[in-house]
Structures are given as structure tokens and as C-alpha cells.
N, C-alpha and C. Protein backbone atom coordinates (compact mmCIF):
# COMPACT_ATOMS: atom_id res chain seq x y z
N UNK A 1 184.83 33.32 141.20
CA UNK A 1 184.37 33.15 142.57
C UNK A 1 185.36 32.31 143.37
N UNK A 2 185.92 31.31 142.73
CA UNK A 2 186.84 30.43 143.46
C UNK A 2 188.03 31.20 144.01
N UNK A 3 188.62 32.08 143.20
CA UNK A 3 189.77 32.87 143.66
C UNK A 3 189.41 33.77 144.83
N UNK A 4 188.20 34.36 144.78
CA UNK A 4 187.77 35.24 145.87
C UNK A 4 187.61 34.48 147.18
N UNK A 5 187.29 33.21 147.11
CA UNK A 5 187.11 32.41 148.32
C UNK A 5 188.45 31.97 148.92
N UNK A 6 189.49 31.95 148.12
CA UNK A 6 190.79 31.52 148.61
C UNK A 6 191.39 32.52 149.60
N UNK A 7 191.09 33.81 149.44
CA UNK A 7 191.66 34.83 150.31
C UNK A 7 191.26 34.63 151.77
N UNK A 8 189.96 34.50 152.09
CA UNK A 8 189.63 34.30 153.51
C UNK A 8 190.13 32.95 154.05
N UNK A 9 190.21 31.95 153.19
CA UNK A 9 190.72 30.65 153.63
C UNK A 9 192.20 30.79 153.98
N UNK A 10 192.97 31.44 153.12
CA UNK A 10 194.39 31.65 153.39
C UNK A 10 194.59 32.48 154.65
N UNK A 11 193.77 33.50 154.85
CA UNK A 11 193.87 34.34 156.04
C UNK A 11 193.57 33.51 157.30
N UNK A 12 192.52 32.72 157.24
CA UNK A 12 192.14 31.91 158.40
C UNK A 12 193.20 30.91 158.79
N UNK A 13 193.73 30.18 157.82
CA UNK A 13 194.73 29.17 158.13
C UNK A 13 196.10 29.78 158.37
N UNK A 14 196.41 30.87 157.67
CA UNK A 14 197.73 31.50 157.82
C UNK A 14 197.80 32.42 159.03
N UNK A 15 197.03 33.47 159.01
CA UNK A 15 197.11 34.49 160.06
C UNK A 15 196.46 34.06 161.37
N UNK A 16 195.32 33.41 161.29
CA UNK A 16 194.59 33.03 162.49
C UNK A 16 194.97 31.65 163.01
N UNK A 17 195.76 30.92 162.24
CA UNK A 17 196.24 29.59 162.63
C UNK A 17 195.09 28.60 162.89
N UNK A 18 194.04 28.69 162.08
CA UNK A 18 192.93 27.75 162.23
C UNK A 18 193.40 26.34 161.91
N UNK A 19 192.81 25.39 162.56
CA UNK A 19 193.09 23.97 162.30
C UNK A 19 192.10 23.38 161.31
N UNK A 20 190.91 23.99 161.23
CA UNK A 20 189.88 23.53 160.30
C UNK A 20 188.91 24.67 160.05
N UNK A 21 188.12 24.50 159.00
CA UNK A 21 187.05 25.46 158.67
C UNK A 21 185.83 24.66 158.26
N UNK A 22 184.67 25.17 158.57
CA UNK A 22 183.42 24.52 158.19
C UNK A 22 182.59 25.44 157.33
N UNK A 23 181.80 24.82 156.46
CA UNK A 23 180.88 25.55 155.61
C UNK A 23 179.57 24.78 155.56
N UNK A 24 178.48 25.50 155.45
CA UNK A 24 177.16 24.91 155.41
C UNK A 24 176.47 25.33 154.12
N UNK A 25 175.85 24.40 153.42
CA UNK A 25 175.07 24.73 152.24
C UNK A 25 173.99 23.67 152.04
N UNK A 26 172.94 24.05 151.35
CA UNK A 26 171.90 23.08 151.03
C UNK A 26 172.45 22.09 150.01
N UNK A 27 172.17 20.83 150.21
CA UNK A 27 172.66 19.78 149.31
C UNK A 27 172.18 20.00 147.88
N UNK A 28 171.00 20.58 147.73
CA UNK A 28 170.46 20.79 146.38
C UNK A 28 171.08 22.01 145.68
N UNK A 29 171.89 22.78 146.40
CA UNK A 29 172.58 23.93 145.80
C UNK A 29 173.89 23.43 145.18
N UNK A 30 173.76 22.80 144.03
CA UNK A 30 174.88 22.13 143.37
C UNK A 30 176.06 23.06 143.09
N UNK A 31 175.84 24.30 142.61
CA UNK A 31 177.00 25.18 142.40
C UNK A 31 177.80 25.43 143.68
N UNK A 32 177.13 25.60 144.81
CA UNK A 32 177.83 25.82 146.08
C UNK A 32 178.56 24.56 146.52
N UNK A 33 177.92 23.42 146.39
CA UNK A 33 178.57 22.15 146.73
C UNK A 33 179.82 21.95 145.89
N UNK A 34 179.71 22.19 144.58
CA UNK A 34 180.85 22.01 143.68
C UNK A 34 181.99 22.98 144.03
N UNK A 35 181.66 24.21 144.39
CA UNK A 35 182.69 25.18 144.77
C UNK A 35 183.42 24.71 146.03
N UNK A 36 182.67 24.28 147.02
CA UNK A 36 183.30 23.80 148.25
C UNK A 36 184.22 22.62 147.98
N UNK A 37 183.77 21.69 147.16
CA UNK A 37 184.60 20.53 146.83
C UNK A 37 185.86 20.95 146.08
N UNK A 38 185.71 21.91 145.17
CA UNK A 38 186.84 22.40 144.39
C UNK A 38 187.88 23.09 145.29
N UNK A 39 187.39 23.72 146.36
CA UNK A 39 188.28 24.39 147.30
C UNK A 39 188.93 23.43 148.29
N UNK A 40 188.53 22.16 148.25
CA UNK A 40 189.15 21.15 149.12
C UNK A 40 188.32 20.75 150.32
N UNK A 41 187.11 21.30 150.45
CA UNK A 41 186.24 20.91 151.55
C UNK A 41 185.73 19.49 151.30
N UNK A 42 185.49 18.77 152.37
CA UNK A 42 184.93 17.42 152.30
C UNK A 42 183.57 17.42 152.97
N UNK A 43 182.64 16.70 152.38
CA UNK A 43 181.32 16.56 152.99
C UNK A 43 181.45 15.65 154.20
N UNK A 44 181.03 16.15 155.36
CA UNK A 44 181.16 15.36 156.59
C UNK A 44 180.08 14.29 156.69
N UNK A 45 179.04 14.41 155.87
CA UNK A 45 177.92 13.48 155.96
C UNK A 45 176.93 13.88 157.04
N UNK A 46 177.22 14.97 157.73
CA UNK A 46 176.34 15.45 158.80
C UNK A 46 175.43 16.55 158.26
N UNK A 47 174.33 16.75 158.93
CA UNK A 47 173.37 17.78 158.55
C UNK A 47 173.11 18.70 159.72
N UNK A 48 172.77 19.94 159.40
CA UNK A 48 172.29 20.91 160.37
C UNK A 48 171.00 21.45 159.77
N UNK A 49 169.89 20.86 160.19
CA UNK A 49 168.61 21.18 159.55
C UNK A 49 168.66 20.72 158.11
N UNK A 50 168.41 21.63 157.18
CA UNK A 50 168.42 21.27 155.76
C UNK A 50 169.79 21.47 155.12
N UNK A 51 170.79 21.83 155.93
CA UNK A 51 172.12 22.13 155.41
C UNK A 51 173.08 20.98 155.58
N UNK A 52 173.91 20.75 154.58
CA UNK A 52 175.00 19.79 154.66
C UNK A 52 176.22 20.51 155.21
N UNK A 53 177.01 19.80 156.00
CA UNK A 53 178.19 20.39 156.62
C UNK A 53 179.44 19.89 155.90
N UNK A 54 180.29 20.83 155.52
CA UNK A 54 181.54 20.53 154.85
C UNK A 54 182.69 21.01 155.72
N UNK A 55 183.81 20.31 155.69
CA UNK A 55 184.96 20.68 156.53
C UNK A 55 186.23 20.70 155.68
N UNK A 56 187.07 21.67 155.97
CA UNK A 56 188.38 21.80 155.34
C UNK A 56 189.43 21.71 156.44
N UNK A 57 190.31 20.72 156.31
CA UNK A 57 191.37 20.54 157.32
C UNK A 57 192.69 21.14 156.87
N UNK A 58 192.96 21.12 155.60
CA UNK A 58 194.18 21.67 155.05
C UNK A 58 193.83 22.45 153.78
N UNK A 59 194.21 23.70 153.70
CA UNK A 59 193.95 24.43 152.45
C UNK A 59 194.82 23.89 151.34
N UNK A 60 194.31 23.94 150.14
CA UNK A 60 194.96 23.48 148.91
C UNK A 60 196.42 23.46 149.07
């Protein structure tokens, strides 16, 4: 799963010249949280309803 997630991240930062990317997941969804952290996302400490917000500023 991790490798499959790298493709859209590389496209976004490379081709689209994004400066950052955000992801939302429930804090209790530990596999999703761990995947985001492994991909380099940081927990912003902010919430959107029941979802935690993660941000990636620089891809791996």
C-alpha cells in the first residue's frame, strides 16, 4: 500500500508543483495514521469533525 501511495504524492509535488498536501483520517484508524506517518505526513494537531488532519510539506 505504501508504494501505491507514493505515485500520487510524486505526481502532485512533481508535476503539479504542490507546496503541501493534506490528508484526513480518524485518529482511531491506527493503520491509516501509521501509513501517513510512514509517508512523511505530520499530524497538525487540528481536527475536522472526528478526523485528524495531517500535512506533508516535502515528499520523502
